[in-house]
Every structure is written in structure tokens, then in C-alpha cells.
């Protein structure tokens, strides 16, 4: 089932793309046209996207599938608790992945809390 971009996905995607990852700024226009096609069943919040390719242009410099933004996430004690990755396939945002190595990072809201502590 394809659903509109949920708030938890939108918050983390915006936070990671806004942290200066190039070509992150070129990808921002695509976020308005994304939909979640599937989400991970474990509850972590990882999501595969679909996009209306007729409504927005791809970033031509990105071919194939690759990680365009990666953010290591640190816990309260400064240890690495996981990371969030943003994937692009043939110029279009295609996946947001949450990798957890600690109970401190289990969901996208946890990732958002770590990425944007001032938003609390």
C-alpha cells in the first residue's frame, strides 16, 4: 500500500538532507512528491519510496543506487547507537534506512530526537 509521507519519515528526511549533504539540497524538491511504498516490519521506520517522476526532475549526477546522505547517531553517553542512510536510485530519492546498534535508537522518532534535540 502506498501512503503519503508520514510525519516521522518527513522529519528525519528533512533533518538529514538539511545537514549540508551534497546533493541533499538538490533533492529537497523531491520530498514534496514522495510517498511511502513499504516500511520495515520491525518498527524501525525504514521506508522505501515511490515518487511521481512526472512532477519533479531527477538529480542527473546520480546514477544507479547509492547513499547520498549518512548520519551517525550518538547516544546520551556519546557512543554510536546507529545511523540513518538516505538512498537515491537514478536521481530520485528511493529509501530512508534506520540502522540501530542500541536500544536507544529503535524508531524514526528516536532518530529525530537524536538528530534534532532542540525540537523537543
N, C-alpha and C. Protein backbone atom coordinates (compact mmCIF):
# COMPACT_ATOMS: atom_id res chain seq x y z
N UNK A 1 0.84 -1.18 0.00
CA UNK A 1 0.00 0.00 0.00
C UNK A 1 0.89 1.25 0.00
N UNK A 2 0.59 2.19 -0.85
CA UNK A 2 1.34 3.44 -0.92
C UNK A 2 0.61 4.48 -0.08
N UNK A 3 1.36 5.16 0.81
CA UNK A 3 0.76 6.16 1.69
C UNK A 3 1.52 7.46 1.57
N UNK A 4 0.87 8.54 1.94
CA UNK A 4 1.52 9.85 1.95
C UNK A 4 2.72 9.80 2.87
N UNK A 5 3.63 10.73 2.72
CA UNK A 5 4.84 10.75 3.53
C UNK A 5 4.47 11.06 4.99
N UNK A 6 4.59 10.07 5.89
CA UNK A 6 4.24 10.28 7.28
C UNK A 6 5.19 11.27 7.96
N UNK A 7 4.72 11.89 9.02
CA UNK A 7 5.49 12.93 9.71
C UNK A 7 6.84 12.41 10.19
N UNK A 8 6.92 11.18 10.73
CA UNK A 8 8.20 10.68 11.23
C UNK A 8 9.23 10.56 10.11
N UNK A 9 8.80 10.09 8.95
CA UNK A 9 9.71 9.97 7.80
C UNK A 9 10.11 11.37 7.32
N UNK A 10 9.14 12.26 7.20
CA UNK A 10 9.42 13.61 6.70
C UNK A 10 10.39 14.35 7.61
N UNK A 11 10.22 14.25 8.92
CA UNK A 11 11.09 14.95 9.87
C UNK A 11 12.54 14.48 9.75
N UNK A 12 12.76 13.18 9.73
CA UNK A 12 14.12 12.65 9.67
C UNK A 12 14.73 12.92 8.30
N UNK A 13 13.98 12.76 7.24
CA UNK A 13 14.48 13.03 5.89
C UNK A 13 14.89 14.49 5.76
N UNK A 14 14.04 15.40 6.22
CA UNK A 14 14.37 16.83 6.18
C UNK A 14 15.61 17.14 7.00
N UNK A 15 15.72 16.55 8.19
CA UNK A 15 16.87 16.82 9.06
C UNK A 15 18.17 16.37 8.40
N UNK A 16 18.16 15.19 7.81
CA UNK A 16 19.39 14.68 7.20
C UNK A 16 19.74 15.45 5.95
N UNK A 17 18.77 15.74 5.10
CA UNK A 17 19.07 16.47 3.87
C UNK A 17 19.50 17.90 4.16
N UNK A 18 19.04 18.49 5.26
CA UNK A 18 19.39 19.87 5.57
C UNK A 18 20.76 20.01 6.24
N UNK A 19 21.40 18.91 6.55
CA UNK A 19 22.69 18.98 7.23
C UNK A 19 23.85 19.17 6.26
N UNK A 20 23.56 19.69 5.08
CA UNK A 20 24.61 20.06 4.16
C UNK A 20 25.14 18.96 3.29
N UNK A 21 24.45 17.82 3.25
CA UNK A 21 24.90 16.73 2.40
C UNK A 21 24.64 17.09 0.94
N UNK A 22 25.68 17.14 0.17
CA UNK A 22 25.53 17.41 -1.25
C UNK A 22 25.40 16.06 -1.94
N UNK A 23 24.39 15.79 -2.71
CA UNK A 23 23.46 16.70 -3.36
C UNK A 23 22.16 16.91 -2.60
N UNK A 24 22.19 16.86 -1.30
CA UNK A 24 20.97 16.99 -0.49
C UNK A 24 20.09 18.15 -0.87
N UNK A 25 20.67 19.32 -1.09
CA UNK A 25 19.85 20.48 -1.41
C UNK A 25 19.15 20.32 -2.76
N UNK A 26 19.74 19.62 -3.68
CA UNK A 26 19.11 19.37 -4.97
C UNK A 26 17.95 18.38 -4.84
N UNK A 27 17.95 17.59 -3.77
CA UNK A 27 16.91 16.58 -3.57
C UNK A 27 15.69 17.10 -2.83
N UNK A 28 15.81 18.24 -2.15
CA UNK A 28 14.68 18.77 -1.38
C UNK A 28 13.38 18.88 -2.18
N UNK A 29 13.40 19.38 -3.42
CA UNK A 29 12.13 19.48 -4.16
C UNK A 29 11.41 18.14 -4.32
N UNK A 30 12.15 17.04 -4.29
CA UNK A 30 11.53 15.73 -4.45
C UNK A 30 10.70 15.32 -3.23
N UNK A 31 11.04 15.84 -2.06
CA UNK A 31 10.35 15.40 -0.85
C UNK A 31 8.85 15.69 -0.89
N UNK A 32 8.45 16.72 -1.62
CA UNK A 32 7.01 17.05 -1.73
C UNK A 32 6.25 16.04 -2.59
N UNK A 33 6.98 15.23 -3.35
CA UNK A 33 6.34 14.29 -4.27
C UNK A 33 6.53 12.83 -3.88
N UNK A 34 7.11 12.61 -2.69
CA UNK A 34 7.36 11.24 -2.22
C UNK A 34 6.14 10.63 -1.56
N UNK A 35 6.06 9.34 -1.68
CA UNK A 35 5.08 8.53 -0.96
C UNK A 35 5.83 7.32 -0.41
N UNK A 36 5.38 6.79 0.71
CA UNK A 36 5.97 5.58 1.25
C UNK A 36 5.32 4.39 0.56
N UNK A 37 6.15 3.58 -0.05
CA UNK A 37 5.64 2.38 -0.71
C UNK A 37 5.60 1.21 0.27
N UNK A 38 6.69 1.03 1.03
CA UNK A 38 6.73 -0.02 2.05
C UNK A 38 7.54 0.49 3.24
N UNK A 39 7.26 -0.10 4.40
CA UNK A 39 8.04 0.19 5.61
C UNK A 39 8.51 -1.12 6.20
N UNK A 40 9.62 -1.06 6.90
CA UNK A 40 10.18 -2.24 7.54
C UNK A 40 9.20 -2.75 8.59
N UNK A 41 9.04 -4.05 8.66
CA UNK A 41 8.09 -4.66 9.59
C UNK A 41 8.59 -4.67 11.04
N UNK A 42 9.89 -4.40 11.27
CA UNK A 42 10.43 -4.48 12.63
C UNK A 42 10.07 -3.25 13.46
N UNK A 43 9.57 -2.18 12.82
CA UNK A 43 9.20 -0.99 13.55
C UNK A 43 10.25 0.11 13.56
N UNK A 44 11.40 -0.13 12.93
CA UNK A 44 12.49 0.85 12.95
C UNK A 44 12.15 2.12 12.17
N UNK A 45 11.26 2.01 11.22
CA UNK A 45 10.87 3.18 10.45
C UNK A 45 11.51 3.27 9.08
N UNK A 46 12.41 2.35 8.74
CA UNK A 46 12.98 2.35 7.40
C UNK A 46 11.85 2.30 6.39
N UNK A 47 12.01 3.04 5.27
CA UNK A 47 10.93 3.15 4.30
C UNK A 47 11.47 3.19 2.89
N UNK A 48 10.76 2.52 1.99
CA UNK A 48 11.03 2.60 0.55
C UNK A 48 10.02 3.59 -0.03
N UNK A 49 10.51 4.42 -0.95
CA UNK A 49 9.67 5.48 -1.51
C UNK A 49 9.24 5.18 -2.94
N UNK A 50 8.13 5.79 -3.31
CA UNK A 50 7.74 5.92 -4.71
C UNK A 50 7.63 7.43 -4.93
N UNK A 51 7.79 7.84 -6.17
CA UNK A 51 7.76 9.27 -6.48
C UNK A 51 7.07 9.48 -7.81
N UNK A 52 6.39 10.58 -7.94
CA UNK A 52 5.77 10.96 -9.20
C UNK A 52 6.87 11.59 -10.07
N UNK A 53 7.50 10.78 -10.90
CA UNK A 53 8.63 11.23 -11.72
C UNK A 53 8.20 12.28 -12.74
N UNK A 54 6.92 12.36 -13.04
CA UNK A 54 6.44 13.37 -13.97
C UNK A 54 6.32 14.75 -13.32
N UNK A 55 6.35 14.79 -11.99
CA UNK A 55 6.14 16.05 -11.28
C UNK A 55 7.45 16.73 -10.87
N UNK A 56 8.54 15.98 -10.87
CA UNK A 56 9.82 16.54 -10.42
C UNK A 56 10.96 15.84 -11.17
N UNK A 57 11.99 16.60 -11.47
CA UNK A 57 13.12 16.06 -12.23
C UNK A 57 14.09 15.30 -11.32
N UNK A 58 14.78 14.32 -11.89
CA UNK A 58 15.82 13.63 -11.11
C UNK A 58 17.06 14.51 -10.99
N UNK A 59 17.94 14.16 -10.06
CA UNK A 59 19.25 14.80 -9.98
C UNK A 59 20.13 14.04 -10.97
N UNK A 60 20.50 14.66 -12.10
CA UNK A 60 21.15 13.92 -13.18
C UNK A 60 22.52 13.35 -12.83
N UNK A 61 23.19 13.89 -11.83
CA UNK A 61 24.53 13.42 -11.50
C UNK A 61 24.52 12.09 -10.75
N UNK A 62 23.34 11.62 -10.34
CA UNK A 62 23.27 10.39 -9.56
C UNK A 62 22.67 9.28 -10.41
N UNK A 63 23.50 8.30 -10.73
CA UNK A 63 23.02 7.15 -11.49
C UNK A 63 23.17 5.90 -10.63
N UNK A 64 22.37 4.90 -10.93
CA UNK A 64 22.39 3.70 -10.11
C UNK A 64 21.81 4.00 -8.74
N UNK A 65 22.10 3.11 -7.80
CA UNK A 65 21.63 3.29 -6.42
C UNK A 65 22.83 3.59 -5.54
N UNK A 66 22.73 4.66 -4.76
CA UNK A 66 23.82 4.98 -3.83
C UNK A 66 23.30 5.77 -2.64
N UNK A 67 24.10 5.75 -1.59
CA UNK A 67 23.81 6.52 -0.39
C UNK A 67 24.25 7.95 -0.66
N UNK A 68 23.33 8.90 -0.48
CA UNK A 68 23.66 10.31 -0.70
C UNK A 68 23.73 11.09 0.60
N UNK A 69 23.24 10.53 1.67
CA UNK A 69 23.32 11.18 2.98
C UNK A 69 23.40 10.10 4.03
N UNK A 70 24.30 10.32 4.98
CA UNK A 70 24.52 9.35 6.05
C UNK A 70 24.81 10.12 7.32
N UNK A 71 24.13 9.75 8.38
CA UNK A 71 24.34 10.45 9.64
C UNK A 71 24.50 9.42 10.74
N UNK A 72 25.66 9.45 11.38
CA UNK A 72 25.89 8.61 12.55
C UNK A 72 25.16 9.24 13.73
N UNK A 73 24.51 8.42 14.52
CA UNK A 73 23.74 8.92 15.66
C UNK A 73 24.40 8.49 16.96
N UNK A 74 24.51 9.45 17.88
CA UNK A 74 25.20 9.22 19.13
C UNK A 74 24.22 9.23 20.29
N UNK A 75 24.45 8.34 21.25
CA UNK A 75 23.60 8.25 22.42
C UNK A 75 23.98 9.26 23.48
N UNK A 76 23.30 9.18 24.62
CA UNK A 76 23.50 10.13 25.71
C UNK A 76 24.93 10.11 26.24
N UNK A 77 25.58 8.95 26.18
CA UNK A 77 26.95 8.84 26.66
C UNK A 77 28.00 9.09 25.59
N UNK A 78 27.57 9.52 24.40
CA UNK A 78 28.50 9.81 23.31
C UNK A 78 28.85 8.61 22.45
N UNK A 79 28.31 7.45 22.77
CA UNK A 79 28.58 6.25 21.98
C UNK A 79 27.69 6.21 20.75
N UNK A 80 28.17 5.55 19.70
CA UNK A 80 27.37 5.40 18.49
C UNK A 80 26.24 4.42 18.76
N UNK A 81 25.00 4.86 18.49
CA UNK A 81 23.84 4.00 18.71
C UNK A 81 23.22 3.54 17.39
N UNK A 82 23.69 4.11 16.27
CA UNK A 82 23.19 3.72 14.96
C UNK A 82 23.46 4.79 13.93
N UNK A 83 22.79 4.65 12.81
CA UNK A 83 22.92 5.63 11.75
C UNK A 83 21.66 5.64 10.90
N UNK A 84 21.51 6.72 10.17
CA UNK A 84 20.41 6.83 9.22
C UNK A 84 21.02 7.09 7.86
N UNK A 85 20.53 6.38 6.85
CA UNK A 85 21.02 6.49 5.48
C UNK A 85 19.88 6.92 4.56
N UNK A 86 20.22 7.76 3.58
CA UNK A 86 19.27 8.14 2.54
C UNK A 86 19.82 7.65 1.21
N UNK A 87 19.01 6.89 0.50
CA UNK A 87 19.40 6.31 -0.78
C UNK A 87 18.70 7.04 -1.93
N UNK A 88 19.40 7.12 -3.05
CA UNK A 88 18.85 7.64 -4.30
C UNK A 88 19.08 6.60 -5.37
N UNK A 89 18.08 6.39 -6.21
CA UNK A 89 18.20 5.49 -7.36
C UNK A 89 17.90 6.28 -8.62
N UNK A 90 18.89 6.33 -9.50
CA UNK A 90 18.77 7.04 -10.78
C UNK A 90 18.22 8.46 -10.62
N UNK A 91 18.75 9.16 -9.63
CA UNK A 91 18.42 10.57 -9.44
C UNK A 91 17.21 10.86 -8.58
N UNK A 92 16.52 9.83 -8.11
CA UNK A 92 15.33 10.02 -7.28
C UNK A 92 15.52 9.42 -5.89
N UNK A 93 15.04 10.13 -4.87
CA UNK A 93 15.04 9.58 -3.52
C UNK A 93 14.32 8.24 -3.55
N UNK A 94 14.94 7.21 -2.94
CA UNK A 94 14.33 5.88 -3.02
C UNK A 94 14.16 5.17 -1.68
N UNK A 95 14.96 5.54 -0.66
CA UNK A 95 14.87 4.81 0.60
C UNK A 95 15.47 5.62 1.74
N UNK A 96 14.86 5.49 2.90
CA UNK A 96 15.39 6.00 4.16
C UNK A 96 15.57 4.78 5.05
N UNK A 97 16.79 4.58 5.54
CA UNK A 97 17.07 3.38 6.33
C UNK A 97 17.61 3.76 7.70
N UNK A 98 17.05 3.12 8.72
CA UNK A 98 17.50 3.30 10.10
C UNK A 98 18.25 2.05 10.51
N UNK A 99 19.51 2.22 10.90
CA UNK A 99 20.33 1.11 11.38
C UNK A 99 20.57 1.33 12.87
N UNK A 100 20.13 0.41 13.69
CA UNK A 100 20.21 0.55 15.14
C UNK A 100 21.19 -0.43 15.73
N UNK A 101 22.06 0.08 16.61
CA UNK A 101 23.01 -0.77 17.33
C UNK A 101 22.80 -0.66 18.83
N UNK A 102 21.67 -0.11 19.24
CA UNK A 102 21.42 0.11 20.66
C UNK A 102 19.91 0.24 20.89
N UNK A 103 19.49 -0.02 22.12
CA UNK A 103 18.08 0.18 22.48
C UNK A 103 17.71 1.66 22.49
N UNK A 104 18.71 2.53 22.47
CA UNK A 104 18.47 3.97 22.48
C UNK A 104 17.91 4.45 21.13
N UNK A 105 18.15 3.68 20.08
CA UNK A 105 17.65 4.02 18.74
C UNK A 105 16.84 2.84 18.23
N UNK A 106 15.52 2.97 18.28
CA UNK A 106 14.63 1.90 17.82
C UNK A 106 13.70 2.35 16.71
N UNK A 107 13.37 3.62 16.68
CA UNK A 107 12.35 4.11 15.76
C UNK A 107 12.79 5.41 15.10
N UNK A 108 12.05 5.85 14.10
CA UNK A 108 12.34 7.15 13.49
C UNK A 108 12.16 8.30 14.47
N UNK A 109 11.16 8.30 15.35
CA UNK A 109 11.11 9.37 16.35
C UNK A 109 12.36 9.40 17.24
N UNK A 110 12.94 8.23 17.55
CA UNK A 110 14.20 8.21 18.29
C UNK A 110 15.30 8.88 17.48
N UNK A 111 15.37 8.56 16.19
CA UNK A 111 16.39 9.16 15.32
C UNK A 111 16.19 10.67 15.25
N UNK A 112 14.95 11.11 15.14
CA UNK A 112 14.67 12.56 15.07
C UNK A 112 15.08 13.24 16.38
N UNK A 113 14.79 12.61 17.51
CA UNK A 113 15.16 13.17 18.81
C UNK A 113 16.68 13.34 18.91
N UNK A 114 17.43 12.37 18.41
CA UNK A 114 18.89 12.43 18.47
C UNK A 114 19.42 13.48 17.47
N UNK A 115 18.84 13.50 16.28
CA UNK A 115 19.30 14.45 15.24
C UNK A 115 18.96 15.89 15.59
N UNK A 116 17.79 16.09 16.17
CA UNK A 116 17.28 17.44 16.41
C UNK A 116 16.86 17.62 17.86
N UNK A 117 17.82 17.64 18.81
CA UNK A 117 17.44 17.71 20.21
C UNK A 117 16.70 18.99 20.59
N UNK A 118 16.84 20.04 19.81
CA UNK A 118 16.16 21.30 20.11
C UNK A 118 14.67 21.27 19.78
N UNK A 119 14.22 20.27 19.01
CA UNK A 119 12.81 20.18 18.60
C UNK A 119 11.92 19.61 19.71
N UNK A 120 12.46 19.26 20.83
CA UNK A 120 11.64 18.64 21.90
C UNK A 120 10.71 19.61 22.53
